[in-house]
Amino acid sequence: MTLTLLDTSALISIERSTHSLGELILDDDEPALSAITLAELRVGVELGSGRKRKERETCIGWIERSLPIVPYDSDVALVHASLIAHCRRTGTQRSAYDLMIAATGSATGRTVVTFDRTGFLDLPNVRVR
């Protein structure tokens, strides 16, 4: 069994019907999403209007009911701080949200599944697929 953490880009591809959940996970995967990813998806709902907002709301509701949500807790915070320090030492710029998602994956032993690998490459102890 492989514990996976679906990144925002992966879940947006489901919302846009570019991919299905079955295409993003392998047979032995146990997928989840981070609380930070849920917040990013909810921003999309808040910024939407009319039919688009309703469609996003429906999709995000399905995702919330279908996948466990991994909280940002003290273990994740410790890894997050380490990743921020790593980026500052190496002079690499990273999205604050990507670092939180990476920290969630690392702290919980999950592989991050993403279509935006650049946000996660070369981070210590972060597995990406």
Protein backbone atom coordinates (compact mmCIF):
# COMPACT_ATOMS: atom_id res chain seq x y z
CA MET A 1 0.00 0.00 0.00
CA THR A 2 1.25 3.48 -0.90
CA LEU A 3 0.00 6.48 1.03
CA THR A 4 -0.53 9.36 -1.38
CA LEU A 5 -1.44 13.02 -1.02
CA LEU A 6 -3.25 14.54 -3.98
CA ASP A 7 -2.02 18.06 -4.73
CA THR A 8 -4.29 20.87 -5.81
CA SER A 9 -3.23 20.51 -9.45
CA ALA A 10 -4.26 16.85 -9.45
CA LEU A 11 -7.66 17.61 -7.97
CA ILE A 12 -8.27 20.52 -10.35
CA SER A 13 -7.66 18.08 -13.20
CA ILE A 14 -10.53 15.99 -11.79
CA GLU A 15 -12.76 19.06 -11.51
CA ARG A 16 -12.02 19.96 -15.13
CA SER A 17 -12.63 16.35 -16.23
CA THR A 18 -9.09 16.16 -17.58
CA HIS A 19 -8.44 13.12 -15.40
CA SER A 20 -10.45 10.81 -13.20
CA LEU A 21 -9.47 9.82 -9.69
CA GLY A 22 -8.79 6.31 -11.05
CA GLU A 23 -6.21 7.75 -13.45
CA LEU A 24 -4.34 9.57 -10.68
CA ILE A 25 -3.98 6.78 -8.19
CA LEU A 26 -2.56 3.29 -8.51
CA ASP A 27 -4.32 0.14 -7.36
CA ASP A 28 -2.49 -0.02 -4.04
CA ASP A 29 -2.70 3.74 -3.28
CA GLU A 30 -4.46 5.10 -0.26
CA PRO A 31 -5.12 8.71 -1.34
CA ALA A 32 -5.87 11.73 0.83
CA LEU A 33 -5.66 15.50 0.56
CA SER A 34 -4.17 18.08 2.86
CA ALA A 35 -6.23 20.68 4.66
CA ILE A 36 -4.20 23.28 2.72
CA THR A 37 -5.28 21.73 -0.59
CA LEU A 38 -8.88 21.87 0.58
CA ALA A 39 -8.44 25.59 1.31
CA GLU A 40 -6.98 26.19 -2.16
CA LEU A 41 -9.89 24.36 -3.77
CA ARG A 42 -12.38 26.33 -1.67
CA VAL A 43 -10.82 29.60 -2.89
CA GLY A 44 -11.76 28.49 -6.40
CA VAL A 45 -15.35 28.05 -5.24
CA GLU A 46 -15.38 31.45 -3.53
CA LEU A 47 -14.04 33.17 -6.65
CA GLY A 48 -16.45 31.42 -8.99
CA SER A 49 -19.86 32.70 -9.91
CA GLY A 50 -23.06 31.35 -11.35
CA ARG A 51 -22.97 27.90 -12.88
CA LYS A 52 -19.18 27.60 -12.57
CA ARG A 53 -19.35 28.18 -8.81
CA LYS A 54 -22.07 25.53 -8.44
CA GLU A 55 -20.07 23.02 -10.49
CA ARG A 56 -16.95 23.65 -8.41
CA GLU A 57 -18.95 23.37 -5.18
CA THR A 58 -20.39 20.02 -6.30
CA CYS A 59 -16.97 18.66 -7.28
CA ILE A 60 -15.26 19.85 -4.07
CA GLY A 61 -18.10 18.38 -2.01
CA TRP A 62 -17.56 15.03 -3.72
CA ILE A 63 -13.80 15.22 -3.07
CA GLU A 64 -14.38 16.04 0.62
CA ARG A 65 -16.74 13.08 1.01
CA SER A 66 -14.48 10.71 -0.93
CA LEU A 67 -11.03 11.38 0.52
CA PRO A 68 -9.65 11.75 4.02
CA ILE A 69 -8.35 15.21 4.84
CA VAL A 70 -4.95 15.35 6.56
CA PRO A 71 -4.77 18.27 9.02
CA TYR A 72 -1.98 20.80 9.39
CA ASP A 73 -0.87 19.78 12.87
CA SER A 74 2.26 20.20 15.01
CA ASP A 75 4.10 17.36 13.21
CA VAL A 76 3.41 18.99 9.85
CA ALA A 77 4.44 22.39 11.27
CA LEU A 78 7.85 21.02 12.30
CA VAL A 79 8.51 19.63 8.82
CA HIS A 80 7.17 22.83 7.27
CA ALA A 81 9.66 24.91 9.26
CA SER A 82 12.46 22.60 8.12
CA LEU A 83 11.43 22.97 4.47
CA ILE A 84 11.25 26.76 4.75
CA ALA A 85 14.75 26.79 6.26
CA HIS A 86 16.00 24.51 3.47
CA CYS A 87 14.60 26.86 0.81
CA ARG A 88 16.13 29.91 2.47
CA ARG A 89 19.53 28.21 2.79
CA THR A 90 19.51 27.12 -0.85
CA GLY A 91 18.01 30.35 -2.17
CA THR A 92 15.07 28.58 -3.84
CA GLN A 93 11.68 30.23 -4.08
CA ARG A 94 8.65 28.04 -3.39
CA SER A 95 4.97 28.69 -2.97
CA ALA A 96 3.99 28.87 0.70
CA TYR A 97 1.10 26.50 -0.04
CA ASP A 98 3.30 24.01 -1.90
CA LEU A 99 5.63 23.91 1.09
CA MET A 100 2.69 23.23 3.42
CA ILE A 101 1.47 20.42 1.15
CA ALA A 102 5.00 19.01 0.87
CA ALA A 103 5.35 19.14 4.66
CA THR A 104 2.03 17.34 5.08
CA GLY A 105 3.19 14.61 2.72
CA SER A 106 6.58 14.24 4.38
CA ALA A 107 5.26 14.30 7.96
CA THR A 108 2.67 11.62 7.20
CA GLY A 109 4.78 9.40 4.95
CA ARG A 110 2.71 10.19 1.84
CA THR A 111 3.86 10.62 -1.74
CA VAL A 112 2.63 13.88 -3.28
CA VAL A 113 0.74 13.31 -6.54
CA THR A 114 0.95 16.49 -8.63
CA PHE A 115 1.03 17.93 -12.13
CA ASP A 116 3.22 20.77 -10.84
CA ARG A 117 6.40 18.92 -9.91
CA THR A 118 8.51 22.10 -9.87
CA GLY A 119 6.92 23.16 -6.59
CA PHE A 120 8.14 19.98 -4.90
CA LEU A 121 11.42 19.01 -6.55
CA ASP A 122 14.60 18.82 -4.51
CA LEU A 123 12.83 19.16 -1.17
CA PRO A 124 14.40 16.85 1.43
CA ASN A 125 12.31 13.84 2.46
CA VAL A 126 9.46 14.74 0.07
CA ARG A 127 8.41 12.02 -2.37
CA VAL A 128 6.69 13.16 -5.56
CA ARG A 129 4.84 11.34 -8.33
